[in-house]
PDB file of N, CA and C in Angstrom:
ATOM      1  N   UNK A   1       0.853  -1.172   0.000  1.00  0.00           N
ATOM      2  CA  UNK A   1       0.000   0.000   0.000  1.00  0.00           C
ATOM      3  C   UNK A   1       0.893   1.227   0.000  1.00  0.00           C
ATOM      4  N   UNK A   2       0.601   2.157  -0.869  1.00  0.00           N
ATOM      5  CA  UNK A   2       1.348   3.410  -0.916  1.00  0.00           C
ATOM      6  C   UNK A   2       0.378   4.562  -1.150  1.00  0.00           C
ATOM      7  N   UNK A   3       0.549   5.604  -0.413  1.00  0.00           N
ATOM      8  CA  UNK A   3      -0.300   6.796  -0.554  1.00  0.00           C
ATOM      9  C   UNK A   3      -1.782   6.460  -0.491  1.00  0.00           C
ATOM     10  N   UNK A   4      -2.161   5.490   0.352  1.00  0.00           N
ATOM     11  CA  UNK A   4      -3.562   5.125   0.496  1.00  0.00           C
ATOM     12  C   UNK A   4      -4.119   4.294  -0.636  1.00  0.00           C
ATOM     13  N   UNK A   5      -3.260   3.853  -1.567  1.00  0.00           N
ATOM     14  CA  UNK A   5      -3.702   3.050  -2.705  1.00  0.00           C
ATOM     15  C   UNK A   5      -3.171   1.622  -2.540  1.00  0.00           C
ATOM     16  N   UNK A   6      -4.044   0.666  -2.702  1.00  0.00           N
ATOM     17  CA  UNK A   6      -3.657  -0.729  -2.590  1.00  0.00           C
ATOM     18  C   UNK A   6      -3.461  -1.324  -3.975  1.00  0.00           C
ATOM     19  N   UNK A   7      -2.326  -1.986  -4.190  1.00  0.00           N
ATOM     20  CA  UNK A   7      -2.059  -2.678  -5.436  1.00  0.00           C
ATOM     21  C   UNK A   7      -2.493  -4.129  -5.301  1.00  0.00           C
ATOM     22  N   UNK A   8      -3.108  -4.666  -6.346  1.00  0.00           N
ATOM     23  CA  UNK A   8      -3.524  -6.066  -6.358  1.00  0.00           C
ATOM     24  C   UNK A   8      -2.865  -6.744  -7.545  1.00  0.00           C
ATOM     25  N   UNK A   9      -2.150  -7.823  -7.277  1.00  0.00           N
ATOM     26  CA  UNK A   9      -1.543  -8.612  -8.340  1.00  0.00           C
ATOM     27  C   UNK A   9      -2.436  -9.811  -8.616  1.00  0.00           C
ATOM     28  N   UNK A  10      -2.765 -10.035  -9.871  1.00  0.00           N
ATOM     29  CA  UNK A  10      -3.560 -11.191 -10.265  1.00  0.00           C
ATOM     30  C   UNK A  10      -2.617 -12.275 -10.763  1.00  0.00           C
ATOM     31  N   UNK A  11      -2.762 -13.471 -10.208  1.00  0.00           N
ATOM     32  CA  UNK A  11      -1.933 -14.609 -10.583  1.00  0.00           C
ATOM     33  C   UNK A  11      -2.810 -15.736 -11.087  1.00  0.00           C
ATOM     34  N   UNK A  12      -2.318 -16.459 -12.085  1.00  0.00           N
ATOM     35  CA  UNK A  12      -3.025 -17.623 -12.617  1.00  0.00           C
ATOM     36  C   UNK A  12      -2.020 -18.752 -12.797  1.00  0.00           C
ATOM     37  N   UNK A  13      -2.474 -19.999 -12.744  1.00  0.00           N
ATOM     38  CA  UNK A  13      -1.560 -21.109 -13.020  1.00  0.00           C
ATOM     39  C   UNK A  13      -1.096 -21.058 -14.474  1.00  0.00           C
ATOM     40  N   UNK A  14       0.183 -21.288 -14.693  1.00  0.00           N
ATOM     41  CA  UNK A  14       0.718 -21.354 -16.060  1.00  0.00           C
ATOM     42  C   UNK A  14       0.933 -22.823 -16.379  1.00  0.00           C
ATOM     43  N   UNK A  15       0.251 -23.307 -17.386  1.00  0.00           N
ATOM     44  CA  UNK A  15       0.254 -24.732 -17.695  1.00  0.00           C
ATOM     45  C   UNK A  15       1.486 -25.188 -18.468  1.00  0.00           C
ATOM     46  N   UNK A  16       2.122 -24.278 -19.188  1.00  0.00           N
ATOM     47  CA  UNK A  16       3.291 -24.662 -19.988  1.00  0.00           C
ATOM     48  C   UNK A  16       4.174 -23.443 -20.181  1.00  0.00           C
ATOM     49  N   UNK A  17       5.386 -23.685 -20.668  1.00  0.00           N
ATOM     50  CA  UNK A  17       6.294 -22.572 -20.971  1.00  0.00           C
ATOM     51  C   UNK A  17       5.661 -21.719 -22.068  1.00  0.00           C
ATOM     52  N   UNK A  18       5.954 -20.486 -22.061  1.00  0.00           N
ATOM     53  CA  UNK A  18       5.403 -19.608 -23.093  1.00  0.00           C
ATOM     54  C   UNK A  18       4.778 -18.377 -22.482  1.00  0.00           C
ATOM     55  N   UNK A  19       3.486 -18.196 -22.696  1.00  0.00           N
ATOM     56  CA  UNK A  19       2.792 -16.988 -22.236  1.00  0.00           C
ATOM     57  C   UNK A  19       2.914 -16.836 -20.724  1.00  0.00           C
ATOM     58  N   UNK A  20       3.421 -15.695 -20.305  1.00  0.00           N
ATOM     59  CA  UNK A  20       3.500 -15.437 -18.874  1.00  0.00           C
ATOM     60  C   UNK A  20       2.450 -14.423 -18.429  1.00  0.00           C
ATOM     61  N   UNK A  21       1.941 -13.645 -19.373  1.00  0.00           N
ATOM     62  CA  UNK A  21       0.889 -12.669 -19.072  1.00  0.00           C
ATOM     63  C   UNK A  21      -0.357 -13.071 -19.859  1.00  0.00           C
ATOM     64  N   UNK A  22      -1.469 -13.193 -19.163  1.00  0.00           N
ATOM     65  CA  UNK A  22      -2.717 -13.560 -19.828  1.00  0.00           C
ATOM     66  C   UNK A  22      -3.799 -12.539 -19.472  1.00  0.00           C
ATOM     67  N   UNK A  23      -4.718 -12.346 -20.382  1.00  0.00           N
ATOM     68  CA  UNK A  23      -5.829 -11.428 -20.149  1.00  0.00           C
ATOM     69  C   UNK A  23      -7.011 -12.218 -19.611  1.00  0.00           C
ATOM     70  N   UNK A  24      -7.550 -11.787 -18.478  1.00  0.00           N
ATOM     71  CA  UNK A  24      -8.732 -12.424 -17.885  1.00  0.00           C
ATOM     72  C   UNK A  24      -9.947 -11.605 -18.299  1.00  0.00           C
ATOM     73  N   UNK A  25     -10.578 -12.018 -19.366  1.00  0.00           N
ATOM     74  CA  UNK A  25     -11.684 -11.271 -19.952  1.00  0.00           C
ATOM     75  C   UNK A  25     -12.818 -10.979 -18.971  1.00  0.00           C
ATOM     76  N   UNK A  26     -13.279 -11.957 -18.175  1.00  0.00           N
ATOM     77  CA  UNK A  26     -14.395 -11.663 -17.253  1.00  0.00           C
ATOM     78  C   UNK A  26     -14.079 -10.557 -16.238  1.00  0.00           C
ATOM     79  N   UNK A  27     -12.790 -10.427 -15.871  1.00  0.00           N
ATOM     80  CA  UNK A  27     -12.402  -9.409 -14.894  1.00  0.00           C
ATOM     81  C   UNK A  27     -11.864  -8.139 -15.545  1.00  0.00           C
ATOM     82  N   UNK A  28     -11.501  -8.240 -16.823  1.00  0.00           N
ATOM     83  CA  UNK A  28     -10.948  -7.094 -17.522  1.00  0.00           C
ATOM     84  C   UNK A  28      -9.559  -6.711 -17.044  1.00  0.00           C
ATOM     85  N   UNK A  29      -8.760  -7.701 -16.630  1.00  0.00           N
ATOM     86  CA  UNK A  29      -7.412  -7.438 -16.116  1.00  0.00           C
ATOM     87  C   UNK A  29      -6.421  -8.412 -16.730  1.00  0.00           C
ATOM     88  N   UNK A  30      -5.146  -8.076 -16.625  1.00  0.00           N
ATOM     89  CA  UNK A  30      -4.081  -8.982 -17.018  1.00  0.00           C
ATOM     90  C   UNK A  30      -3.557  -9.681 -15.773  1.00  0.00           C
ATOM     91  N   UNK A  31      -3.131 -10.932 -15.936  1.00  0.00           N
ATOM     92  CA  UNK A  31      -2.631 -11.713 -14.809  1.00  0.00           C
ATOM     93  C   UNK A  31      -1.290 -12.343 -15.167  1.00  0.00           C
ATOM     94  N   UNK A  32      -0.460 -12.519 -14.155  1.00  0.00           N
ATOM     95  CA  UNK A  32       0.838 -13.156 -14.313  1.00  0.00           C
ATOM     96  C   UNK A  32       0.674 -14.661 -14.147  1.00  0.00           C
ATOM     97  N   UNK A  33       1.174 -15.433 -15.089  1.00  0.00           N
ATOM     98  CA  UNK A  33       1.118 -16.888 -14.993  1.00  0.00           C
ATOM     99  C   UNK A  33       2.319 -17.441 -14.251  1.00  0.00           C
ATOM    100  N   UNK A  34       2.084 -18.306 -13.273  1.00  0.00           N
ATOM    101  CA  UNK A  34       3.160 -18.924 -12.501  1.00  0.00           C
ATOM    102  C   UNK A  34       3.130 -20.435 -12.684  1.00  0.00           C
ATOM    103  N   UNK A  35       4.290 -21.015 -13.011  1.00  0.00           N
ATOM    104  CA  UNK A  35       4.353 -22.450 -13.282  1.00  0.00           C
ATOM    105  C   UNK A  35       3.983 -23.314 -12.083  1.00  0.00           C
ATOM    106  N   UNK A  36       4.374 -22.944 -10.898  1.00  0.00           N
ATOM    107  CA  UNK A  36       4.145 -23.808  -9.731  1.00  0.00           C
ATOM    108  C   UNK A  36       2.891 -23.440  -8.943  1.00  0.00           C
ATOM    109  N   UNK A  37       2.057 -22.563  -9.478  1.00  0.00           N
ATOM    110  CA  UNK A  37       0.866 -22.139  -8.744  1.00  0.00           C
ATOM    111  C   UNK A  37      -0.139 -23.275  -8.555  1.00  0.00           C
ATOM    112  N   UNK A  38      -0.256 -24.163  -9.533  1.00  0.00           N
ATOM    113  CA  UNK A  38      -1.157 -25.319  -9.374  1.00  0.00           C
ATOM    114  C   UNK A  38      -0.806 -26.133  -8.144  1.00  0.00           C
ATOM    115  N   UNK A  39       0.491 -26.362  -7.951  1.00  0.00           N
ATOM    116  CA  UNK A  39       0.950 -27.115  -6.778  1.00  0.00           C
ATOM    117  C   UNK A  39       0.568 -26.385  -5.500  1.00  0.00           C
ATOM    118  N   UNK A  40       0.758 -25.073  -5.473  1.00  0.00           N
ATOM    119  CA  UNK A  40       0.488 -24.291  -4.266  1.00  0.00           C
ATOM    120  C   UNK A  40      -0.984 -24.321  -3.872  1.00  0.00           C
ATOM    121  N   UNK A  41      -1.885 -24.196  -4.833  1.00  0.00           N
ATOM    122  CA  UNK A  41      -3.300 -24.056  -4.487  1.00  0.00           C
ATOM    123  C   UNK A  41      -4.044 -25.390  -4.387  1.00  0.00           C
ATOM    124  N   UNK A  42      -3.369 -26.495  -4.676  1.00  0.00           N
ATOM    125  CA  UNK A  42      -4.018 -27.807  -4.528  1.00  0.00           C
ATOM    126  C   UNK A  42      -4.197 -28.118  -3.046  1.00  0.00           C
ATOM    127  N   UNK A  43      -5.266 -28.772  -2.699  1.00  0.00           N
ATOM    128  CA  UNK A  43      -5.562 -29.210  -1.328  1.00  0.00           C
ATOM    129  C   UNK A  43      -5.495 -28.082  -0.296  1.00  0.00           C
ATOM    130  N   UNK A  44      -6.277 -26.999  -0.476  1.00  0.00           N
ATOM    131  CA  UNK A  44      -6.257 -25.901   0.499  1.00  0.00           C
ATOM    132  C   UNK A  44      -6.876 -26.328   1.830  1.00  0.00           C
ATOM    133  N   UNK A  45      -6.562 -25.567   2.866  1.00  0.00           N
ATOM    134  CA  UNK A  45      -7.123 -25.841   4.191  1.00  0.00           C
ATOM    135  C   UNK A  45      -7.939 -24.625   4.638  1.00  0.00           C
ATOM    136  N   UNK A  46      -8.968 -24.841   5.478  1.00  0.00           N
ATOM    137  CA  UNK A  46      -9.742 -23.700   5.975  1.00  0.00           C
ATOM    138  C   UNK A  46      -8.973 -22.953   7.061  1.00  0.00           C
ATOM    139  N   UNK A  47      -9.155 -21.639   7.096  1.00  0.00           N
ATOM    140  CA  UNK A  47      -8.547 -20.803   8.130  1.00  0.00           C
ATOM    141  C   UNK A  47      -9.506 -19.655   8.427  1.00  0.00           C
ATOM    142  N   UNK A  48      -9.278 -18.977   9.526  1.00  0.00           N
ATOM    143  CA  UNK A  48     -10.138 -17.861   9.908  1.00  0.00           C
ATOM    144  C   UNK A  48      -9.376 -16.558   9.746  1.00  0.00           C
ATOM    145  N   UNK A  49      -9.950 -15.626   9.016  1.00  0.00           N
ATOM    146  CA  UNK A  49      -9.397 -14.279   8.876  1.00  0.00           C
ATOM    147  C   UNK A  49     -10.174 -13.364   9.816  1.00  0.00           C
ATOM    148  N   UNK A  50      -9.463 -12.539  10.543  1.00  0.00           N
ATOM    149  CA  UNK A  50     -10.112 -11.648  11.496  1.00  0.00           C
ATOM    150  C   UNK A  50     -10.421 -10.325  10.804  1.00  0.00           C
ATOM    151  N   UNK A  51     -11.704 -10.042  10.666  1.00  0.00           N
ATOM    152  CA  UNK A  51     -12.169  -8.781  10.094  1.00  0.00           C
ATOM    153  C   UNK A  51     -13.570  -8.546  10.632  1.00  0.00           C
ATOM    154  N   UNK A  52     -13.709  -7.583  11.510  1.00  0.00           N
ATOM    155  CA  UNK A  52     -14.970  -7.307  12.204  1.00  0.00           C
ATOM    156  C   UNK A  52     -15.433  -8.565  12.923  1.00  0.00           C
ATOM    157  N   UNK A  53     -16.023  -9.475  12.181  1.00  0.00           N
ATOM    158  CA  UNK A  53     -16.297 -10.796  12.747  1.00  0.00           C
ATOM    159  C   UNK A  53     -15.419 -11.763  11.964  1.00  0.00           C
ATOM    160  N   UNK A  54     -15.457 -13.010  12.321  1.00  0.00           N
ATOM    161  CA  UNK A  54     -14.566 -13.958  11.646  1.00  0.00           C
ATOM    162  C   UNK A  54     -15.060 -14.289  10.239  1.00  0.00           C
ATOM    163  N   UNK A  55     -14.115 -14.539   9.350  1.00  0.00           N
ATOM    164  CA  UNK A  55     -14.400 -14.944   7.987  1.00  0.00           C
ATOM    165  C   UNK A  55     -13.599 -16.209   7.717  1.00  0.00           C
ATOM    166  N   UNK A  56     -14.253 -17.250   7.259  1.00  0.00           N
ATOM    167  CA  UNK A  56     -13.554 -18.488   6.932  1.00  0.00           C
ATOM    168  C   UNK A  56     -13.067 -18.391   5.493  1.00  0.00           C
ATOM    169  N   UNK A  57     -11.760 -18.621   5.310  1.00  0.00           N
ATOM    170  CA  UNK A  57     -11.132 -18.554   3.992  1.00  0.00           C
ATOM    171  C   UNK A  57     -10.369 -19.848   3.731  1.00  0.00           C
ATOM    172  N   UNK A  58      -9.999 -20.063   2.483  1.00  0.00           N
ATOM    173  CA  UNK A  58      -9.172 -21.203   2.104  1.00  0.00           C
ATOM    174  C   UNK A  58      -7.751 -20.702   1.869  1.00  0.00           C
ATOM    175  N   UNK A  59      -6.761 -21.375   2.465  1.00  0.00           N
ATOM    176  CA  UNK A  59      -5.354 -21.002   2.274  1.00  0.00           C
ATOM    177  C   UNK A  59      -4.553 -22.238   1.877  1.00  0.00           C
ATOM    178  N   UNK A  60      -3.386 -22.029   1.263  1.00  0.00           N
ATOM    179  CA  UNK A  60      -2.539 -23.183   0.937  1.00  0.00           C
ATOM    180  C   UNK A  60      -2.068 -23.869   2.217  1.00  0.00           C
ATOM    181  N   UNK A  61      -1.904 -25.189   2.172  1.00  0.00           N
ATOM    182  CA  UNK A  61      -1.376 -25.866   3.356  1.00  0.00           C
ATOM    183  C   UNK A  61       0.089 -25.460   3.528  1.00  0.00           C
ATOM    184  N   UNK A  62       0.553 -25.351   4.764  1.00  0.00           N
ATOM    185  CA  UNK A  62       1.899 -24.829   5.048  1.00  0.00           C
ATOM    186  C   UNK A  62       3.022 -25.581   4.324  1.00  0.00           C
ATOM    187  N   UNK A  63       2.896 -26.896   4.191  1.00  0.00           N
ATOM    188  CA  UNK A  63       3.950 -27.669   3.531  1.00  0.00           C
ATOM    189  C   UNK A  63       4.084 -27.255   2.067  1.00  0.00           C
ATOM    190  N   UNK A  64       2.958 -27.115   1.392  1.00  0.00           N
ATOM    191  CA  UNK A  64       2.972 -26.720  -0.015  1.00  0.00           C
ATOM    192  C   UNK A  64       3.492 -25.287  -0.164  1.00  0.00           C
ATOM    193  N   UNK A  65       3.117 -24.416   0.768  1.00  0.00           N
ATOM    194  CA  UNK A  65       3.582 -23.032   0.717  1.00  0.00           C
ATOM    195  C   UNK A  65       5.104 -22.976   0.843  1.00  0.00           C
ATOM    196  N   UNK A  66       5.661 -23.722   1.770  1.00  0.00           N
ATOM    197  CA  UNK A  66       7.112 -23.737   1.971  1.00  0.00           C
ATOM    198  C   UNK A  66       7.834 -24.249   0.724  1.00  0.00           C
ATOM    199  N   UNK A  67       7.346 -25.329   0.141  1.00  0.00           N
ATOM    200  CA  UNK A  67       7.973 -25.880  -1.065  1.00  0.00           C
ATOM    201  C   UNK A  67       7.846 -24.894  -2.222  1.00  0.00           C
ATOM    202  N   UNK A  68       6.675 -24.270  -2.355  1.00  0.00           N
ATOM    203  CA  UNK A  68       6.469 -23.276  -3.410  1.00  0.00           C
ATOM    204  C   UNK A  68       7.473 -22.138  -3.265  1.00  0.00           C
ATOM    205  N   UNK A  69       7.699 -21.648  -2.049  1.00  0.00           N
ATOM    206  CA  UNK A  69       8.657 -20.561  -1.822  1.00  0.00           C
ATOM    207  C   UNK A  69      10.068 -20.990  -2.219  1.00  0.00           C
ATOM    208  N   UNK A  70      10.444 -22.233  -1.943  1.00  0.00           N
ATOM    209  CA  UNK A  70      11.765 -22.729  -2.350  1.00  0.00           C
ATOM    210  C   UNK A  70      11.891 -22.759  -3.868  1.00  0.00           C
ATOM    211  N   UNK A  71      10.835 -23.192  -4.556  1.00  0.00           N
ATOM    212  CA  UNK A  71      10.840 -23.239  -6.022  1.00  0.00           C
ATOM    213  C   UNK A  71      10.963 -21.833  -6.596  1.00  0.00           C
ATOM    214  N   UNK A  72      10.157 -20.918  -6.098  1.00  0.00           N
ATOM    215  CA  UNK A  72      10.147 -19.549  -6.611  1.00  0.00           C
ATOM    216  C   UNK A  72      11.491 -18.863  -6.336  1.00  0.00           C
ATOM    217  N   UNK A  73      12.074 -19.088  -5.164  1.00  0.00           N
ATOM    218  CA  UNK A  73      13.348 -18.459  -4.813  1.00  0.00           C
ATOM    219  C   UNK A  73      14.456 -18.876  -5.769  1.00  0.00           C
ATOM    220  N   UNK A  74      14.445 -20.117  -6.227  1.00  0.00           N
ATOM    221  CA  UNK A  74      15.467 -20.593  -7.156  1.00  0.00           C
ATOM    222  C   UNK A  74      15.337 -19.932  -8.519  1.00  0.00           C
ATOM    223  N   UNK A  75      14.142 -19.527  -8.883  1.00  0.00           N
ATOM    224  CA  UNK A  75      13.912 -18.930 -10.207  1.00  0.00           C
ATOM    225  C   UNK A  75      14.176 -17.441 -10.237  1.00  0.00           C
ATOM    226  N   UNK A  76      14.313 -16.808  -9.076  1.00  0.00           N
ATOM    227  CA  UNK A  76      14.584 -15.371  -9.039  1.00  0.00           C
ATOM    228  C   UNK A  76      16.022 -15.108  -9.432  1.00  0.00           C
ATOM    229  N   UNK A  77      16.243 -13.922  -9.965  1.00  0.00           N
ATOM    230  CA  UNK A  77      17.601 -13.565 -10.357  1.00  0.00           C
ATOM    231  C   UNK A  77      17.933 -12.160  -9.868  1.00  0.00           C
ATOM    232  N   UNK A  78      19.201 -11.887  -9.702  1.00  0.00           N
ATOM    233  CA  UNK A  78      19.684 -10.560  -9.369  1.00  0.00           C
ATOM    234  C   UNK A  78      19.043  -9.942  -8.153  1.00  0.00           C
ATOM    235  N   UNK A  79      18.601  -8.682  -8.294  1.00  0.00           N
ATOM    236  CA  UNK A  79      18.058  -7.928  -7.170  1.00  0.00           C
ATOM    237  C   UNK A  79      16.723  -8.464  -6.704  1.00  0.00           C
ATOM    238  N   UNK A  80      16.014  -9.224  -7.539  1.00  0.00           N
ATOM    239  CA  UNK A  80      14.722  -9.764  -7.131  1.00  0.00           C
ATOM    240  C   UNK A  80      14.875 -10.724  -5.953  1.00  0.00           C
ATOM    241  N   UNK A  81      16.038 -11.333  -5.794  1.00  0.00           N
ATOM    242  CA  UNK A  81      16.281 -12.244  -4.661  1.00  0.00           C
ATOM    243  C   UNK A  81      16.320 -11.485  -3.340  1.00  0.00           C
ATOM    244  N   UNK A  82      16.633 -10.210  -3.385  1.00  0.00           N
ATOM    245  CA  UNK A  82      16.760  -9.420  -2.175  1.00  0.00           C
ATOM    246  C   UNK A  82      15.447  -8.831  -1.692  1.00  0.00           C
ATOM    247  N   UNK A  83      14.440  -8.847  -2.541  1.00  0.00           N
ATOM    248  CA  UNK A  83      13.151  -8.248  -2.192  1.00  0.00           C
ATOM    249  C   UNK A  83      12.345  -9.191  -1.303  1.00  0.00           C
ATOM    250  N   UNK A  84      11.620  -8.664  -0.325  1.00  0.00           N
ATOM    251  CA  UNK A  84      10.825  -9.526   0.572  1.00  0.00           C
ATOM    252  C   UNK A  84       9.646 -10.155  -0.133  1.00  0.00           C
TER     253      UNK A  84
END
């Protein structure tokens, strides 16, 4: 968030090498395709988000999240490795 504006990144599973940016017609936005996103979002677990009252959401299971982070970290290059 900067200057009161929130940025939202749209991500989609990328099924094969090639297109990394895809247009999501129903939403009218472009999304970044990630090769390992299918692995990350498979078998989600329920969790509670605190907002006014509780909201039940689906999140990646911790094991898959950790492995996904290891995969993504190996693919980063240069200064992108230093960014949080």
